[in-house]
C-alpha cells in the first residue's frame, strides 16, 4: 500500500479533484466553486485512509485526465526499475526528433529545438536522478551542436546551448 501511495502522491498534488465540491455541516449543504488544493501532508493522510482498490481507482482516474499523469505513471510502474533503458529510449527519441526537424525555415528549426528541450526536461522531471539529467542534457547538446544546417549561428540557440552547459556544470558540482 505504501508503494501505491508513493506512486500517486505526486499525481494528486498536481490535480484538483473537481470544480464543484460539497460538504455537510449540521444538515446544511455548502458548495464551493473555487476548490483550493490541500497540502501534501493532508493528501498523504487521506491516501493512507483509503483502501487498496480505492487507490487503484484514483490512479486510473488521474491517468485519464492529463497525458503527463499517464506518462509519469508509466515511468513509475514500468521504467523506474531500468534507468539505463529509460535513458537509452529517451536518447533515441531525441535523435529521432532532431532528424525530423524541417530545415526550410530557421524560425521553425529554432522552435523545434526548443520543443525537444522542453520534452527532455519533462522526462528529467519524471526521473529525479542527477545522472539521468546530466546524460540526457549532454545528449541533447551533442545533437544540437552536430545538427546540420548549423543552428549554432543563431545567438538565441547559442545562449540556449550555454545555459544547458552551465546547468550541467552546476549539477556536477553539487
Protein backbone atom coordinates (compact mmCIF):
# COMPACT_ATOMS: atom_id res chain seq x y z
CA UNK A 1 0.00 0.00 0.00
CA UNK A 2 2.89 2.39 0.74
CA UNK A 3 4.19 1.78 -2.79
CA UNK A 4 0.88 2.86 -4.31
CA UNK A 5 0.74 5.92 -2.07
CA UNK A 6 4.22 6.95 -3.16
CA UNK A 7 3.17 6.48 -6.79
CA UNK A 8 0.10 8.63 -6.74
CA UNK A 9 1.10 11.37 -4.29
CA UNK A 10 2.82 13.48 -6.98
CA UNK A 11 -0.14 12.97 -9.28
CA UNK A 12 -2.73 14.02 -6.74
CA UNK A 13 -0.71 17.01 -5.59
CA UNK A 14 -1.00 18.48 -9.11
CA UNK A 15 -4.61 17.62 -9.65
CA UNK A 16 -7.76 19.37 -8.44
CA UNK A 17 -10.43 16.75 -7.90
CA UNK A 18 -13.38 18.81 -9.16
CA UNK A 19 -14.61 22.35 -9.67
CA UNK A 20 -17.72 21.78 -7.56
CA UNK A 21 -17.29 20.38 -4.06
CA UNK A 22 -19.94 19.92 -1.38
CA UNK A 23 -19.88 19.05 2.31
CA UNK A 24 -22.45 18.89 5.06
CA UNK A 25 -22.37 20.81 8.35
CA UNK A 26 -25.37 20.41 10.68
CA UNK A 27 -27.69 19.40 7.84
CA UNK A 28 -26.67 22.36 5.66
CA UNK A 29 -25.05 21.77 2.30
CA UNK A 30 -22.31 24.20 1.26
CA UNK A 31 -20.99 24.42 -2.29
CA UNK A 32 -17.61 25.76 -3.24
CA UNK A 33 -16.98 26.60 -6.86
CA UNK A 34 -13.32 27.50 -6.36
CA UNK A 35 -11.65 24.48 -4.76
CA UNK A 36 -8.27 25.04 -3.19
CA UNK A 37 -5.62 22.34 -3.28
CA UNK A 38 -4.73 20.79 0.07
CA UNK A 39 -1.21 20.22 1.37
CA UNK A 40 0.82 17.14 0.54
CA UNK A 41 0.60 16.02 4.19
CA UNK A 42 -3.20 16.12 4.06
CA UNK A 43 -3.18 14.21 0.79
CA UNK A 44 -0.84 11.60 2.28
CA UNK A 45 -3.09 11.14 5.33
CA UNK A 46 -6.15 10.80 3.11
CA UNK A 47 -4.43 8.27 0.87
CA UNK A 48 -3.42 6.14 3.86
CA UNK A 49 -7.07 6.12 4.91
CA UNK A 50 -8.17 4.72 1.53
CA UNK A 51 -8.38 1.05 0.64
CA UNK A 52 -6.17 -0.63 -1.94
CA UNK A 53 -8.95 -0.75 -4.55
CA UNK A 54 -9.78 2.94 -3.99
CA UNK A 55 -6.12 3.85 -4.57
CA UNK A 56 -6.08 1.92 -7.84
CA UNK A 57 -9.30 3.67 -8.86
CA UNK A 58 -7.74 7.08 -8.08
CA UNK A 59 -4.63 6.24 -10.13
CA UNK A 60 -6.70 5.20 -13.11
CA UNK A 61 -8.87 8.28 -12.76
CA UNK A 62 -5.80 10.54 -12.74
CA UNK A 63 -4.31 8.83 -15.77
CA UNK A 64 -7.38 9.74 -17.84
CA UNK A 65 -7.03 13.49 -17.37
CA UNK A 66 -3.57 14.55 -18.45
CA UNK A 67 -1.06 12.97 -20.74
CA UNK A 68 1.70 13.91 -18.26
CA UNK A 69 -0.05 11.99 -15.47
CA UNK A 70 -0.19 8.90 -17.66
CA UNK A 71 3.46 9.31 -18.70
CA UNK A 72 4.58 9.70 -15.08
CA UNK A 73 2.58 6.66 -14.01
CA UNK A 74 4.11 4.69 -16.91
CA UNK A 75 7.60 5.71 -15.82
CA UNK A 76 6.99 4.85 -12.17
CA UNK A 77 5.41 1.47 -12.87
CA UNK A 78 7.41 0.20 -15.84
CA UNK A 79 10.62 2.15 -16.40
CA UNK A 80 11.88 3.30 -12.99
CA UNK A 81 13.47 -0.09 -12.33
CA UNK A 82 15.56 0.06 -15.52
CA UNK A 83 17.04 3.58 -15.56
CA UNK A 84 19.63 2.66 -18.23
CA UNK A 85 16.88 1.51 -20.62
CA UNK A 86 14.89 4.65 -19.89
CA UNK A 87 17.88 6.85 -20.73
CA UNK A 88 18.55 4.97 -23.96
CA UNK A 89 14.92 5.23 -25.08
CA UNK A 90 14.89 8.99 -24.43
CA UNK A 91 18.21 9.40 -26.26
CA UNK A 92 16.78 7.54 -29.24
CA UNK A 93 13.71 9.80 -29.14
CA UNK A 94 15.95 12.91 -29.04
CA UNK A 95 17.83 11.70 -32.12
CA UNK A 96 14.56 10.96 -33.95
CA UNK A 97 13.22 14.41 -33.12
CA UNK A 98 16.39 16.10 -34.37
CA UNK A 99 16.24 14.02 -37.58
CA UNK A 100 12.64 15.08 -38.19
CA UNK A 101 13.30 18.84 -37.94
CA UNK A 102 12.30 20.65 -41.12
CA UNK A 103 15.24 22.71 -42.34
CA UNK A 104 13.45 25.10 -44.71
CA UNK A 105 12.84 27.84 -42.14
CA UNK A 106 15.33 28.91 -39.49
CA UNK A 107 12.47 30.08 -37.27
CA UNK A 108 10.82 26.64 -37.37
CA UNK A 109 14.14 24.93 -36.66
CA UNK A 110 14.63 27.03 -33.50
CA UNK A 111 11.05 26.34 -32.47
CA UNK A 112 11.57 22.58 -32.87
CA UNK A 113 14.82 22.63 -30.88
CA UNK A 114 13.04 24.39 -28.01
CA UNK A 115 10.25 21.80 -28.19
CA UNK A 116 12.78 18.96 -27.99
CA UNK A 117 14.42 20.59 -24.95
CA UNK A 118 11.01 21.01 -23.29
CA UNK A 119 10.35 17.28 -23.75
CA UNK A 120 13.81 16.38 -22.40
CA UNK A 121 13.18 18.50 -19.29
CA UNK A 122 9.82 16.76 -18.79
CA UNK A 123 11.48 13.34 -18.91
CA UNK A 124 14.15 14.54 -16.48
CA UNK A 125 11.43 15.63 -14.03
CA UNK A 126 9.98 12.11 -14.07
CA UNK A 127 13.30 10.53 -13.12
CA UNK A 128 14.62 12.95 -10.45
CA UNK A 129 18.02 11.29 -10.94
CA UNK A 130 21.01 13.65 -11.33
CA UNK A 131 22.96 11.23 -13.56
CA UNK A 132 19.96 10.82 -15.85
CA UNK A 133 19.55 14.58 -16.07
CA UNK A 134 23.18 15.19 -16.99
CA UNK A 135 23.27 12.35 -19.51
CA UNK A 136 20.09 13.48 -21.28
CA UNK A 137 21.12 17.14 -21.38
CA UNK A 138 24.56 16.15 -22.66
CA UNK A 139 22.98 14.07 -25.41
CA UNK A 140 20.66 16.96 -26.32
CA UNK A 141 23.59 19.41 -26.51
CA UNK A 142 25.66 16.97 -28.59
CA UNK A 143 22.81 16.57 -31.07
CA UNK A 144 22.24 20.31 -31.14
CA UNK A 145 25.91 21.03 -31.86
CA UNK A 146 26.12 18.37 -34.61
CA UNK A 147 22.84 19.40 -36.24
CA UNK A 148 23.07 20.37 -39.89
CA UNK A 149 22.37 23.06 -41.10
CA UNK A 150 24.27 24.76 -38.33
CA UNK A 151 21.74 26.30 -35.93
CA UNK A 152 24.51 27.44 -33.61
CA UNK A 153 24.91 30.54 -35.81
CA UNK A 154 21.88 31.93 -34.03
CA UNK A 155 22.63 33.90 -30.86
CA UNK A 156 19.40 32.59 -29.32
CA UNK A 157 20.49 29.00 -29.89
CA UNK A 158 24.00 29.73 -28.61
CA UNK A 159 22.50 31.17 -25.43
CA UNK A 160 20.23 28.13 -25.02
CA UNK A 161 23.23 25.85 -25.52
CA UNK A 162 25.34 27.82 -22.99
CA UNK A 163 22.52 27.74 -20.40
CA UNK A 164 22.25 23.97 -20.67
CA UNK A 165 26.04 23.56 -20.37
CA UNK A 166 26.03 25.81 -17.29
CA UNK A 167 23.17 23.78 -15.81
CA UNK A 168 25.11 20.55 -16.32
CA UNK A 169 28.21 22.03 -14.69
CA UNK A 170 26.13 23.20 -11.72
CA UNK A 171 24.58 19.73 -11.33
CA UNK A 172 28.02 18.09 -11.50
CA UNK A 173 29.38 20.45 -8.85
CA UNK A 174 26.58 19.68 -6.39
